[in-house]
Amino acid sequence: MGLCNGNTSDRAETPVAIEECLARGLDGVLGIVANSKAYSKRTVGLCLEKRMGLITLVPKSKSAGEHS
C-alpha cells in the first residue's frame, strides 16, 4: 500500500490503511493480519463493519472482551 514514517502509530495507521484499501476497489479483501500494536477498538470495529477478518495478538494488558 505504501510507506509510513517509522514513528507512525500502528493503532492509528491500520484503520486508515483498511479504508484506503477499500477505496481502491479491493473489496475482495477477506481480512488482514497485524501485530498487537494494530489492535484497537477502532480497528476491530472497522473490521466488523466491513465484514473483514482480523488476525492479531491481543496485548496482554487487555482483559477478555476489552478493547481500547
Protein backbone atom coordinates (compact mmCIF):
# COMPACT_ATOMS: atom_id res chain seq x y z
CA MET A 1 0.00 0.00 0.00
CA GLY A 2 2.69 2.49 0.90
CA LEU A 3 5.35 3.63 3.29
CA CYS A 4 4.93 5.46 6.55
CA ASN A 5 7.24 7.17 8.94
CA GLY A 6 8.63 4.61 11.38
CA ASN A 7 7.18 6.65 14.23
CA THR A 8 3.63 6.37 12.87
CA SER A 9 1.30 4.65 15.31
CA ASP A 10 0.11 1.22 14.11
CA ARG A 11 -3.03 1.76 16.17
CA ALA A 12 -3.82 4.92 14.20
CA GLU A 13 -2.48 3.82 10.80
CA THR A 14 -4.16 0.40 10.48
CA PRO A 15 -7.76 1.71 10.14
CA VAL A 16 -6.53 4.28 7.61
CA ALA A 17 -4.85 1.52 5.58
CA ILE A 18 -8.05 -0.56 5.65
CA GLU A 19 -10.12 2.39 4.38
CA GLU A 20 -7.56 3.14 1.63
CA CYS A 21 -7.58 -0.49 0.56
CA LEU A 22 -11.37 -0.49 0.25
CA ALA A 23 -11.35 2.90 -1.51
CA ARG A 24 -9.07 1.43 -4.18
CA GLY A 25 -11.71 -1.13 -5.02
CA LEU A 26 -10.10 -4.02 -3.19
CA ASP A 27 -13.45 -5.13 -1.79
CA GLY A 28 -12.44 -8.77 -2.15
CA VAL A 29 -10.03 -8.46 0.76
CA LEU A 30 -11.05 -11.16 3.20
CA GLY A 31 -9.06 -9.84 6.12
CA ILE A 32 -5.81 -8.55 7.49
CA VAL A 33 -3.02 -9.88 9.65
CA ALA A 34 -1.44 -7.39 12.03
CA ASN A 35 0.78 -7.27 15.06
CA SER A 36 -0.59 -6.49 18.51
CA LYS A 37 0.16 -2.79 18.16
CA ALA A 38 -2.56 -2.54 15.50
CA TYR A 39 -5.16 -3.85 17.96
CA SER A 40 -7.67 -1.15 18.90
CA LYS A 41 -11.39 -0.62 19.28
CA ARG A 42 -11.37 1.37 16.04
CA THR A 43 -9.61 -1.39 14.06
CA VAL A 44 -11.84 -4.15 15.45
CA GLY A 45 -14.97 -2.06 14.84
CA LEU A 46 -13.97 -1.26 11.28
CA CYS A 47 -13.24 -4.90 10.50
CA LEU A 48 -16.63 -5.90 11.90
CA GLU A 49 -18.37 -3.13 9.96
CA LYS A 50 -16.65 -4.07 6.68
CA ARG A 51 -17.02 -7.82 7.36
CA MET A 52 -13.27 -8.31 7.20
CA GLY A 53 -11.36 -10.87 9.22
CA LEU A 54 -8.67 -9.75 11.63
CA ILE A 55 -5.86 -11.96 12.86
CA THR A 56 -3.80 -10.33 15.58
CA LEU A 57 -2.46 -10.86 19.05
CA VAL A 58 -4.38 -9.12 21.80
CA PRO A 59 -1.99 -7.22 24.05
CA LYS A 60 -1.52 -8.88 27.41
CA SER A 61 -2.64 -5.67 29.12
CA LYS A 62 -6.19 -6.16 27.77
CA SER A 63 -8.70 -8.26 29.67
CA ALA A 64 -11.11 -10.60 27.87
CA GLY A 65 -13.66 -8.59 25.91
CA GLU A 66 -11.95 -5.24 26.45
CA HIS A 67 -10.99 -3.00 23.51
CA SER A 68 -9.10 0.27 23.66
